[in-house]
Amino acid sequence: EQRLGGGLPTRDWIDAVTPDTPVAVPRTDLHSTLLNTL
């Protein structure tokens, strides 16, 4: 998130482009993961 402006990403960032594709992508430290709504 430090390279993305500082705020944590949210599912709203990616929901529109992944309505049928589940997403679970980790932060670079592998201690946080971002999920989309699916």
PDB file of all heavy atoms in Angstrom:
ATOM      1  N   GLU A   1       0.820  -1.218   0.000  1.00  0.00           N
ATOM      2  CA  GLU A   1       0.000   0.000   0.000  1.00  0.00           C
ATOM      3  C   GLU A   1       0.851   1.263   0.000  1.00  0.00           C
ATOM      4  O   GLU A   1       0.396   2.334  -0.425  1.00  0.00           O
ATOM      5  CB  GLU A   1      -0.966  -0.002   1.195  1.00  0.00           C
ATOM      6  CG  GLU A   1      -0.368   0.361   2.538  1.00  0.00           C
ATOM      7  CD  GLU A   1       0.366  -0.799   3.194  1.00  0.00           C
ATOM      8  OE1 GLU A   1       0.452  -1.884   2.575  1.00  0.00           O
ATOM      9  OE2 GLU A   1       0.840  -0.635   4.334  1.00  0.00           O
ATOM     10  N   GLN A   2       2.118   1.152   0.460  1.00  0.00           N
ATOM     11  CA  GLN A   2       2.980   2.330   0.455  1.00  0.00           C
ATOM     12  C   GLN A   2       3.267   2.797  -0.975  1.00  0.00           C
ATOM     13  O   GLN A   2       3.562   3.973  -1.200  1.00  0.00           O
ATOM     14  CB  GLN A   2       4.298   2.007   1.175  1.00  0.00           C
ATOM     15  CG  GLN A   2       4.130   1.569   2.620  1.00  0.00           C
ATOM     16  CD  GLN A   2       3.479   2.620   3.489  1.00  0.00           C
ATOM     17  OE1 GLN A   2       3.674   3.812   3.272  1.00  0.00           O
ATOM     18  NE2 GLN A   2       2.700   2.204   4.482  1.00  0.00           N
ATOM     19  N   ARG A   3       3.200   1.882  -1.929  1.00  0.00           N
ATOM     20  CA  ARG A   3       3.425   2.247  -3.329  1.00  0.00           C
ATOM     21  C   ARG A   3       2.116   2.636  -4.021  1.00  0.00           C
ATOM     22  O   ARG A   3       2.118   2.982  -5.199  1.00  0.00           O
ATOM     23  CB  ARG A   3       4.069   1.080  -4.078  1.00  0.00           C
ATOM     24  CG  ARG A   3       5.320   0.548  -3.395  1.00  0.00           C
ATOM     25  CD  ARG A   3       5.984  -0.524  -4.217  1.00  0.00           C
ATOM     26  NE  ARG A   3       6.957  -1.278  -3.421  1.00  0.00           N
ATOM     27  CZ  ARG A   3       7.911  -2.040  -3.925  1.00  0.00           C
ATOM     28  NH1 ARG A   3       8.028  -2.170  -5.228  1.00  0.00           N
ATOM     29  NH2 ARG A   3       8.740  -2.697  -3.139  1.00  0.00           N
ATOM     30  N   LEU A   4       1.023   2.545  -3.287  1.00  0.00           N
ATOM     31  CA  LEU A   4      -0.293   2.832  -3.863  1.00  0.00           C
ATOM     32  C   LEU A   4      -0.931   4.072  -3.257  1.00  0.00           C
ATOM     33  O   LEU A   4      -2.125   4.296  -3.409  1.00  0.00           O
ATOM     34  CB  LEU A   4      -1.220   1.624  -3.647  1.00  0.00           C
ATOM     35  CG  LEU A   4      -0.784   0.313  -4.294  1.00  0.00           C
ATOM     36  CD1 LEU A   4      -1.633  -0.851  -3.785  1.00  0.00           C
ATOM     37  CD2 LEU A   4      -0.886   0.418  -5.810  1.00  0.00           C
ATOM     38  N   GLY A   5      -0.140   4.843  -2.541  1.00  0.00           N
ATOM     39  CA  GLY A   5      -0.667   6.060  -1.946  1.00  0.00           C
ATOM     40  C   GLY A   5      -0.761   6.032  -0.444  1.00  0.00           C
ATOM     41  O   GLY A   5      -1.044   7.054   0.186  1.00  0.00           O
ATOM     42  N   GLY A   6      -0.582   4.851   0.173  1.00  0.00           N
ATOM     43  CA  GLY A   6      -0.535   4.765   1.633  1.00  0.00           C
ATOM     44  C   GLY A   6      -1.726   4.099   2.283  1.00  0.00           C
ATOM     45  O   GLY A   6      -1.592   3.518   3.352  1.00  0.00           O
ATOM     46  N   GLY A   7      -2.918   4.173   1.685  1.00  0.00           N
ATOM     47  CA  GLY A   7      -4.083   3.542   2.290  1.00  0.00           C
ATOM     48  C   GLY A   7      -4.229   2.097   1.866  1.00  0.00           C
ATOM     49  O   GLY A   7      -3.868   1.724   0.741  1.00  0.00           O
ATOM     50  N   LEU A   8      -4.763   1.260   2.758  1.00  0.00           N
ATOM     51  CA  LEU A   8      -4.959  -0.146   2.417  1.00  0.00           C
ATOM     52  C   LEU A   8      -5.973  -0.285   1.286  1.00  0.00           C
ATOM     53  O   LEU A   8      -7.010   0.392   1.279  1.00  0.00           O
ATOM     54  CB  LEU A   8      -5.459  -0.927   3.631  1.00  0.00           C
ATOM     55  CG  LEU A   8      -4.449  -1.230   4.736  1.00  0.00           C
ATOM     56  CD1 LEU A   8      -5.163  -1.875   5.920  1.00  0.00           C
ATOM     57  CD2 LEU A   8      -3.337  -2.139   4.232  1.00  0.00           C
ATOM     58  N   PRO A   9      -5.718  -1.172   0.324  1.00  0.00           N
ATOM     59  CA  PRO A   9      -6.721  -1.417  -0.715  1.00  0.00           C
ATOM     60  C   PRO A   9      -7.943  -2.094  -0.116  1.00  0.00           C
ATOM     61  O   PRO A   9      -7.872  -2.693   0.966  1.00  0.00           O
ATOM     62  CB  PRO A   9      -5.987  -2.331  -1.696  1.00  0.00           C
ATOM     63  CG  PRO A   9      -4.960  -3.022  -0.868  1.00  0.00           C
ATOM     64  CD  PRO A   9      -4.526  -2.016   0.166  1.00  0.00           C
ATOM     65  N   THR A  10      -9.044  -2.007  -0.805  1.00  0.00           N
ATOM     66  CA  THR A  10     -10.278  -2.662  -0.365  1.00  0.00           C
ATOM     67  C   THR A  10     -10.879  -3.440  -1.536  1.00  0.00           C
ATOM     68  O   THR A  10     -10.475  -3.276  -2.687  1.00  0.00           O
ATOM     69  CB  THR A  10     -11.314  -1.641   0.142  1.00  0.00           C
ATOM     70  OG1 THR A  10     -11.801  -0.883  -0.971  1.00  0.00           O
ATOM     71  CG2 THR A  10     -10.699  -0.709   1.181  1.00  0.00           C
ATOM     72  N   ARG A  11     -11.863  -4.251  -1.206  1.00  0.00           N
ATOM     73  CA  ARG A  11     -12.515  -5.053  -2.247  1.00  0.00           C
ATOM     74  C   ARG A  11     -13.164  -4.163  -3.314  1.00  0.00           C
ATOM     75  O   ARG A  11     -13.291  -4.562  -4.467  1.00  0.00           O
ATOM     76  CB  ARG A  11     -13.555  -5.984  -1.621  1.00  0.00           C
ATOM     77  CG  ARG A  11     -14.631  -5.291  -0.811  1.00  0.00           C
ATOM     78  CD  ARG A  11     -15.411  -6.298   0.023  1.00  0.00           C
ATOM     79  NE  ARG A  11     -16.307  -5.665   0.985  1.00  0.00           N
ATOM     80  CZ  ARG A  11     -17.618  -5.564   0.853  1.00  0.00           C
ATOM     81  NH1 ARG A  11     -18.207  -6.043  -0.235  1.00  0.00           N
ATOM     82  NH2 ARG A  11     -18.343  -4.999   1.790  1.00  0.00           N
ATOM     83  N   ASP A  12     -13.553  -2.946  -2.938  1.00  0.00           N
ATOM     84  CA  ASP A  12     -14.172  -2.032  -3.900  1.00  0.00           C
ATOM     85  C   ASP A  12     -13.239  -1.704  -5.066  1.00  0.00           C
ATOM     86  O   ASP A  12     -13.698  -1.367  -6.153  1.00  0.00           O
ATOM     87  CB  ASP A  12     -14.589  -0.726  -3.209  1.00  0.00           C
ATOM     88  CG  ASP A  12     -15.686  -0.950  -2.176  1.00  0.00           C
ATOM     89  OD1 ASP A  12     -16.414  -1.951  -2.308  1.00  0.00           O
ATOM     90  OD2 ASP A  12     -15.796  -0.139  -1.246  1.00  0.00           O
ATOM     91  N   TRP A  13     -11.931  -1.774  -4.820  1.00  0.00           N
ATOM     92  CA  TRP A  13     -10.969  -1.463  -5.874  1.00  0.00           C
ATOM     93  C   TRP A  13     -11.081  -2.428  -7.057  1.00  0.00           C
ATOM     94  O   TRP A  13     -10.820  -2.059  -8.197  1.00  0.00           O
ATOM     95  CB  TRP A  13      -9.542  -1.543  -5.326  1.00  0.00           C
ATOM     96  CG  TRP A  13      -9.127  -0.449  -4.406  1.00  0.00           C
ATOM     97  CD1 TRP A  13      -9.929   0.315  -3.604  1.00  0.00           C
ATOM     98  CD2 TRP A  13      -7.798  -0.011  -4.188  1.00  0.00           C
ATOM     99  NE1 TRP A  13      -9.176   1.199  -2.880  1.00  0.00           N
ATOM    100  CE2 TRP A  13      -7.858   1.031  -3.210  1.00  0.00           C
ATOM    101  CE3 TRP A  13      -6.559  -0.381  -4.666  1.00  0.00           C
ATOM    102  CZ2 TRP A  13      -6.717   1.684  -2.752  1.00  0.00           C
ATOM    103  CZ3 TRP A  13      -5.418   0.265  -4.215  1.00  0.00           C
ATOM    104  CH2 TRP A  13      -5.508   1.299  -3.269  1.00  0.00           C
ATOM    105  N   ILE A  14     -11.441  -3.675  -6.766  1.00  0.00           N
ATOM    106  CA  ILE A  14     -11.328  -4.724  -7.786  1.00  0.00           C
ATOM    107  C   ILE A  14     -12.628  -5.449  -8.088  1.00  0.00           C
ATOM    108  O   ILE A  14     -12.691  -6.257  -9.012  1.00  0.00           O
ATOM    109  CB  ILE A  14     -10.247  -5.755  -7.384  1.00  0.00           C
ATOM    110  CG1 ILE A  14     -10.545  -6.334  -5.994  1.00  0.00           C
ATOM    111  CG2 ILE A  14      -8.864  -5.117  -7.421  1.00  0.00           C
ATOM    112  CD1 ILE A  14      -9.557  -7.425  -5.565  1.00  0.00           C
ATOM    113  N   ASP A  15     -13.685  -5.191  -7.335  1.00  0.00           N
ATOM    114  CA  ASP A  15     -14.939  -5.925  -7.531  1.00  0.00           C
ATOM    115  C   ASP A  15     -15.479  -5.777  -8.956  1.00  0.00           C
ATOM    116  O   ASP A  15     -15.959  -6.745  -9.572  1.00  0.00           O
ATOM    117  CB  ASP A  15     -15.997  -5.456  -6.537  1.00  0.00           C
ATOM    118  CG  ASP A  15     -15.903  -6.181  -5.196  1.00  0.00           C
ATOM    119  OD1 ASP A  15     -15.175  -7.190  -5.122  1.00  0.00           O
ATOM    120  OD2 ASP A  15     -16.554  -5.729  -4.243  1.00  0.00           O
ATOM    121  N   ALA A  16     -15.401  -4.571  -9.499  1.00  0.00           N
ATOM    122  CA  ALA A  16     -16.002  -4.330 -10.815  1.00  0.00           C
ATOM    123  C   ALA A  16     -15.325  -5.133 -11.912  1.00  0.00           C
ATOM    124  O   ALA A  16     -15.969  -5.493 -12.910  1.00  0.00           O
ATOM    125  CB  ALA A  16     -15.946  -2.837 -11.148  1.00  0.00           C
ATOM    126  N   VAL A  17     -14.028  -5.436 -11.748  1.00  0.00           N
ATOM    127  CA  VAL A  17     -13.298  -6.159 -12.801  1.00  0.00           C
ATOM    128  C   VAL A  17     -13.184  -7.646 -12.503  1.00  0.00           C
ATOM    129  O   VAL A  17     -12.622  -8.403 -13.301  1.00  0.00           O
ATOM    130  CB  VAL A  17     -11.888  -5.557 -13.016  1.00  0.00           C
ATOM    131  CG1 VAL A  17     -12.004  -4.126 -13.505  1.00  0.00           C
ATOM    132  CG2 VAL A  17     -11.042  -5.636 -11.751  1.00  0.00           C
ATOM    133  N   THR A  18     -13.721  -8.092 -11.363  1.00  0.00           N
ATOM    134  CA  THR A  18     -13.647  -9.513 -11.011  1.00  0.00           C
ATOM    135  C   THR A  18     -14.985 -10.019 -10.486  1.00  0.00           C
ATOM    136  O   THR A  18     -15.047 -10.661  -9.425  1.00  0.00           O
ATOM    137  CB  THR A  18     -12.549  -9.765  -9.948  1.00  0.00           C
ATOM    138  OG1 THR A  18     -12.837  -8.945  -8.794  1.00  0.00           O
ATOM    139  CG2 THR A  18     -11.168  -9.436 -10.488  1.00  0.00           C
ATOM    140  N   PRO A  19     -16.084  -9.793 -11.182  1.00  0.00           N
ATOM    141  CA  PRO A  19     -17.376 -10.236 -10.641  1.00  0.00           C
ATOM    142  C   PRO A  19     -17.491 -11.747 -10.537  1.00  0.00           C
ATOM    143  O   PRO A  19     -18.223 -12.254  -9.670  1.00  0.00           O
ATOM    144  CB  PRO A  19     -18.380  -9.666 -11.648  1.00  0.00           C
ATOM    145  CG  PRO A  19     -17.606  -9.551 -12.924  1.00  0.00           C
ATOM    146  CD  PRO A  19     -16.228  -9.149 -12.500  1.00  0.00           C
ATOM    147  N   ASP A  20     -16.782 -12.483 -11.401  1.00  0.00           N
ATOM    148  CA  ASP A  20     -16.881 -13.943 -11.427  1.00  0.00           C
ATOM    149  C   ASP A  20     -15.551 -14.636 -11.130  1.00  0.00           C
ATOM    150  O   ASP A  20     -15.426 -15.841 -11.307  1.00  0.00           O
ATOM    151  CB  ASP A  20     -17.394 -14.406 -12.800  1.00  0.00           C
ATOM    152  CG  ASP A  20     -18.721 -13.769 -13.157  1.00  0.00           C
ATOM    153  OD1 ASP A  20     -19.630 -13.802 -12.309  1.00  0.00           O
ATOM    154  OD2 ASP A  20     -18.829 -13.212 -14.270  1.00  0.00           O
ATOM    155  N   THR A  21     -14.559 -13.878 -10.713  1.00  0.00           N
ATOM    156  CA  THR A  21     -13.226 -14.432 -10.449  1.00  0.00           C
ATOM    157  C   THR A  21     -12.829 -14.131  -9.007  1.00  0.00           C
ATOM    158  O   THR A  21     -12.691 -12.957  -8.637  1.00  0.00           O
ATOM    159  CB  THR A  21     -12.180 -13.825 -11.403  1.00  0.00           C
ATOM    160  OG1 THR A  21     -12.518 -14.166 -12.750  1.00  0.00           O
ATOM    161  CG2 THR A  21     -10.787 -14.353 -11.091  1.00  0.00           C
ATOM    162  N   PRO A  22     -12.662 -15.144  -8.170  1.00  0.00           N
ATOM    163  CA  PRO A  22     -12.269 -14.887  -6.778  1.00  0.00           C
ATOM    164  C   PRO A  22     -10.814 -14.422  -6.689  1.00  0.00           C
ATOM    165  O   PRO A  22      -9.947 -14.902  -7.420  1.00  0.00           O
ATOM    166  CB  PRO A  22     -12.456 -16.243  -6.089  1.00  0.00           C
ATOM    167  CG  PRO A  22     -12.369 -17.246  -7.196  1.00  0.00           C
ATOM    168  CD  PRO A  22     -12.876 -16.579  -8.434  1.00  0.00           C
ATOM    169  N   VAL A  23     -10.562 -13.487  -5.792  1.00  0.00           N
ATOM    170  CA  VAL A  23      -9.231 -12.898  -5.634  1.00  0.00           C
ATOM    171  C   VAL A  23      -8.823 -12.975  -4.165  1.00  0.00           C
ATOM    172  O   VAL A  23      -9.598 -12.636  -3.272  1.00  0.00           O
ATOM    173  CB  VAL A  23      -9.214 -11.427  -6.085  1.00  0.00           C
ATOM    174  CG1 VAL A  23      -7.832 -10.804  -5.853  1.00  0.00           C
ATOM    175  CG2 VAL A  23      -9.624 -11.299  -7.544  1.00  0.00           C
ATOM    176  N   ALA A  24      -7.584 -13.421  -3.927  1.00  0.00           N
ATOM    177  CA  ALA A  24      -6.995 -13.409  -2.586  1.00  0.00           C
ATOM    178  C   ALA A  24      -5.507 -13.159  -2.760  1.00  0.00           C
ATOM    179  O   ALA A  24      -4.706 -14.099  -2.871  1.00  0.00           O
ATOM    180  CB  ALA A  24      -7.250 -14.723  -1.855  1.00  0.00           C
ATOM    181  N   VAL A  25      -5.128 -11.890  -2.805  1.00  0.00           N
ATOM    182  CA  VAL A  25      -3.735 -11.524  -3.099  1.00  0.00           C
ATOM    183  C   VAL A  25      -3.072 -10.987  -1.835  1.00  0.00           C
ATOM    184  O   VAL A  25      -3.617 -10.122  -1.144  1.00  0.00           O
ATOM    185  CB  VAL A  25      -3.652 -10.495  -4.241  1.00  0.00           C
ATOM    186  CG1 VAL A  25      -3.994 -11.162  -5.568  1.00  0.00           C
ATOM    187  CG2 VAL A  25      -4.577  -9.310  -4.021  1.00  0.00           C
ATOM    188  N   PRO A  26      -1.880 -11.469  -1.500  1.00  0.00           N
ATOM    189  CA  PRO A  26      -1.238 -11.100  -0.235  1.00  0.00           C
ATOM    190  C   PRO A  26      -0.483  -9.787  -0.304  1.00  0.00           C
ATOM    191  O   PRO A  26       0.016  -9.379  -1.357  1.00  0.00           O
ATOM    192  CB  PRO A  26      -0.261 -12.259  -0.007  1.00  0.00           C
ATOM    193  CG  PRO A  26       0.112 -12.700  -1.384  1.00  0.00           C
ATOM    194  CD  PRO A  26      -1.135 -12.519  -2.218  1.00  0.00           C
ATOM    195  N   ARG A  27      -0.424  -9.124   0.834  1.00  0.00           N
ATOM    196  CA  ARG A  27       0.496  -7.994   0.976  1.00  0.00           C
ATOM    197  C   ARG A  27       1.929  -8.527   0.874  1.00  0.00           C
ATOM    198  O   ARG A  27       2.171  -9.715   1.080  1.00  0.00           O
ATOM    199  CB  ARG A  27       0.280  -7.296   2.324  1.00  0.00           C
ATOM    200  CG  ARG A  27       1.063  -5.987   2.474  1.00  0.00           C
ATOM    201  CD  ARG A  27       0.897  -5.371   3.855  1.00  0.00           C
ATOM    202  NE  ARG A  27       1.564  -4.081   3.918  1.00  0.00           N
ATOM    203  CZ  ARG A  27       2.862  -3.915   4.169  1.00  0.00           C
ATOM    204  NH1 ARG A  27       3.631  -4.970   4.402  1.00  0.00           N
ATOM    205  NH2 ARG A  27       3.392  -2.701   4.193  1.00  0.00           N
ATOM    206  N   THR A  28       2.859  -7.645   0.584  1.00  0.00           N
ATOM    207  CA  THR A  28       4.232  -8.081   0.352  1.00  0.00           C
ATOM    208  C   THR A  28       4.855  -8.780   1.554  1.00  0.00           C
ATOM    209  O   THR A  28       5.775  -9.568   1.411  1.00  0.00           O
ATOM    210  CB  THR A  28       5.107  -6.883  -0.075  1.00  0.00           C
ATOM    211  OG1 THR A  28       6.415  -7.351  -0.404  1.00  0.00           O
ATOM    212  CG2 THR A  28       5.195  -5.837   1.023  1.00  0.00           C
ATOM    213  N   ASP A  29       4.354  -8.529   2.773  1.00  0.00           N
ATOM    214  CA  ASP A  29       4.904  -9.201   3.956  1.00  0.00           C
ATOM    215  C   ASP A  29       4.242 -10.545   4.238  1.00  0.00           C
ATOM    216  O   ASP A  29       4.630 -11.242   5.182  1.00  0.00           O
ATOM    217  CB  ASP A  29       4.794  -8.305   5.190  1.00  0.00           C
ATOM    218  CG  ASP A  29       3.362  -7.936   5.546  1.00  0.00           C
ATOM    219  OD1 ASP A  29       2.422  -8.428   4.880  1.00  0.00           O
ATOM    220  OD2 ASP A  29       3.173  -7.150   6.500  1.00  0.00           O
ATOM    221  N   LEU A  30       3.232 -10.909   3.440  1.00  0.00           N
ATOM    222  CA  LEU A  30       2.485 -12.167   3.594  1.00  0.00           C
ATOM    223  C   LEU A  30       1.712 -12.248   4.908  1.00  0.00           C
ATOM    224  O   LEU A  30       1.315 -13.326   5.317  1.00  0.00           O
ATOM    225  CB  LEU A  30       3.418 -13.377   3.461  1.00  0.00           C
ATOM    226  CG  LEU A  30       4.231 -13.482   2.168  1.00  0.00           C
ATOM    227  CD1 LEU A  30       5.032 -14.787   2.146  1.00  0.00           C
ATOM    228  CD2 LEU A  30       3.335 -13.391   0.942  1.00  0.00           C
ATOM    229  N   HIS A  31       1.478 -11.121   5.542  1.00  0.00           N
ATOM    230  CA  HIS A  31       0.715 -11.121   6.795  1.00  0.00           C
ATOM    231  C   HIS A  31      -0.675 -10.514   6.633  1.00  0.00           C
ATOM    232  O   HIS A  31      -1.464 -10.509   7.575  1.00  0.00           O
ATOM    233  CB  HIS A  31       1.479 -10.401   7.902  1.00  0.00           C
ATOM    234  CG  HIS A  31       2.622 -11.203   8.437  1.00  0.00           C
ATOM    235  ND1 HIS A  31       2.512 -11.997   9.557  1.00  0.00           N
ATOM    236  CD2 HIS A  31       3.878 -11.376   7.969  1.00  0.00           C
ATOM    237  CE1 HIS A  31       3.670 -12.608   9.774  1.00  0.00           C
ATOM    238  NE2 HIS A  31       4.508 -12.241   8.820  1.00  0.00           N
ATOM    239  N   SER A  32      -0.966  -9.982   5.458  1.00  0.00           N
ATOM    240  CA  SER A  32      -2.310  -9.491   5.145  1.00  0.00           C
ATOM    241  C   SER A  32      -2.672  -9.961   3.740  1.00  0.00           C
ATOM    242  O   SER A  32      -1.787 -10.101   2.887  1.00  0.00           O
ATOM    243  CB  SER A  32      -2.369  -7.954   5.182  1.00  0.00           C
ATOM    244  OG  SER A  32      -2.118  -7.455   6.470  1.00  0.00           O
ATOM    245  N   THR A  33      -3.964 -10.187   3.521  1.00  0.00           N
ATOM    246  CA  THR A  33      -4.443 -10.622   2.208  1.00  0.00           C
ATOM    247  C   THR A  33      -5.667  -9.805   1.833  1.00  0.00           C
ATOM    248  O   THR A  33      -6.550  -9.564   2.668  1.00  0.00           O
ATOM    249  CB  THR A  33      -4.798 -12.125   2.229  1.00  0.00           C
ATOM    250  OG1 THR A  33      -3.636 -12.883   2.558  1.00  0.00           O
ATOM    251  CG2 THR A  33      -5.302 -12.579   0.864  1.00  0.00           C
ATOM    252  N   LEU A  34      -5.724  -9.382   0.567  1.00  0.00           N
ATOM    253  CA  LEU A  34      -6.884  -8.659   0.054  1.00  0.00           C
ATOM    254  C   LEU A  34      -7.792  -9.615  -0.703  1.00  0.00           C
ATOM    255  O   LEU A  34      -7.342 -10.301  -1.628  1.00  0.00           O
ATOM    256  CB  LEU A  34      -6.444  -7.529  -0.892  1.00  0.00           C
ATOM    257  CG  LEU A  34      -7.574  -6.846  -1.679  1.00  0.00           C
ATOM    258  CD1 LEU A  34      -8.501  -6.088  -0.735  1.00  0.00           C
ATOM    259  CD2 LEU A  34      -7.012  -5.922  -2.753  1.00  0.00           C
ATOM    260  N   LEU A  35      -9.078  -9.651  -0.318  1.00  0.00           N
ATOM    261  CA  LEU A  35     -10.082 -10.460  -0.997  1.00  0.00           C
ATOM    262  C   LEU A  35     -11.064  -9.548  -1.720  1.00  0.00           C
ATOM    263  O   LEU A  35     -11.349  -8.435  -1.246  1.00  0.00           O
ATOM    264  CB  LEU A  35     -10.855 -11.313   0.008  1.00  0.00           C
ATOM    265  CG  LEU A  35     -10.236 -12.620   0.511  1.00  0.00           C
ATOM    266  CD1 LEU A  35      -8.930 -12.380   1.242  1.00  0.00           C
ATOM    267  CD2 LEU A  35     -11.219 -13.342   1.426  1.00  0.00           C
ATOM    268  N   ASN A  36     -11.590 -10.029  -2.829  1.00  0.00           N
ATOM    269  CA  ASN A  36     -12.733  -9.333  -3.431  1.00  0.00           C
ATOM    270  C   ASN A  36     -14.019  -9.878  -2.789  1.00  0.00           C
ATOM    271  O   ASN A  36     -13.990 -10.800  -1.956  1.00  0.00           O
ATOM    272  CB  ASN A  36     -12.726  -9.453  -4.953  1.00  0.00           C
ATOM    273  CG  ASN A  36     -12.930 -10.886  -5.441  1.00  0.00           C
ATOM    274  OD1 ASN A  36     -12.903 -11.831  -4.660  1.00  0.00           O
ATOM    275  ND2 ASN A  36     -13.133 -11.037  -6.742  1.00  0.00           N
ATOM    276  N   THR A  37     -15.149  -9.311  -3.184  1.00  0.00           N
ATOM    277  CA  THR A  37     -16.413  -9.702  -2.556  1.00  0.00           C
ATOM    278  C   THR A  37     -16.733 -11.172  -2.804  1.00  0.00           C
ATOM    279  O   THR A  37     -17.242 -11.867  -1.907  1.00  0.00           O
ATOM    280  CB  THR A  37     -17.552  -8.806  -3.082  1.00  0.00           C
ATOM    281  OG1 THR A  37     -17.313  -7.462  -2.649  1.00  0.00           O
ATOM    282  CG2 THR A  37     -18.901  -9.263  -2.561  1.00  0.00           C
ATOM    283  N   LEU A  38     -16.427 -11.672  -4.005  1.00  0.00           N
ATOM    284  CA  LEU A  38     -16.701 -13.075  -4.301  1.00  0.00           C
ATOM    285  C   LEU A  38     -15.894 -13.985  -3.386  1.00  0.00           C
ATOM    286  O   LEU A  38     -16.421 -14.983  -2.868  1.00  0.00           O
ATOM    287  CB  LEU A  38     -16.380 -13.373  -5.768  1.00  0.00           C
ATOM    288  CG  LEU A  38     -16.565 -14.827  -6.210  1.00  0.00           C
ATOM    289  CD1 LEU A  38     -17.997 -15.306  -5.940  1.00  0.00           C
ATOM    290  CD2 LEU A  38     -16.221 -14.983  -7.699  1.00  0.00           C
TER     291      LEU A  38
END
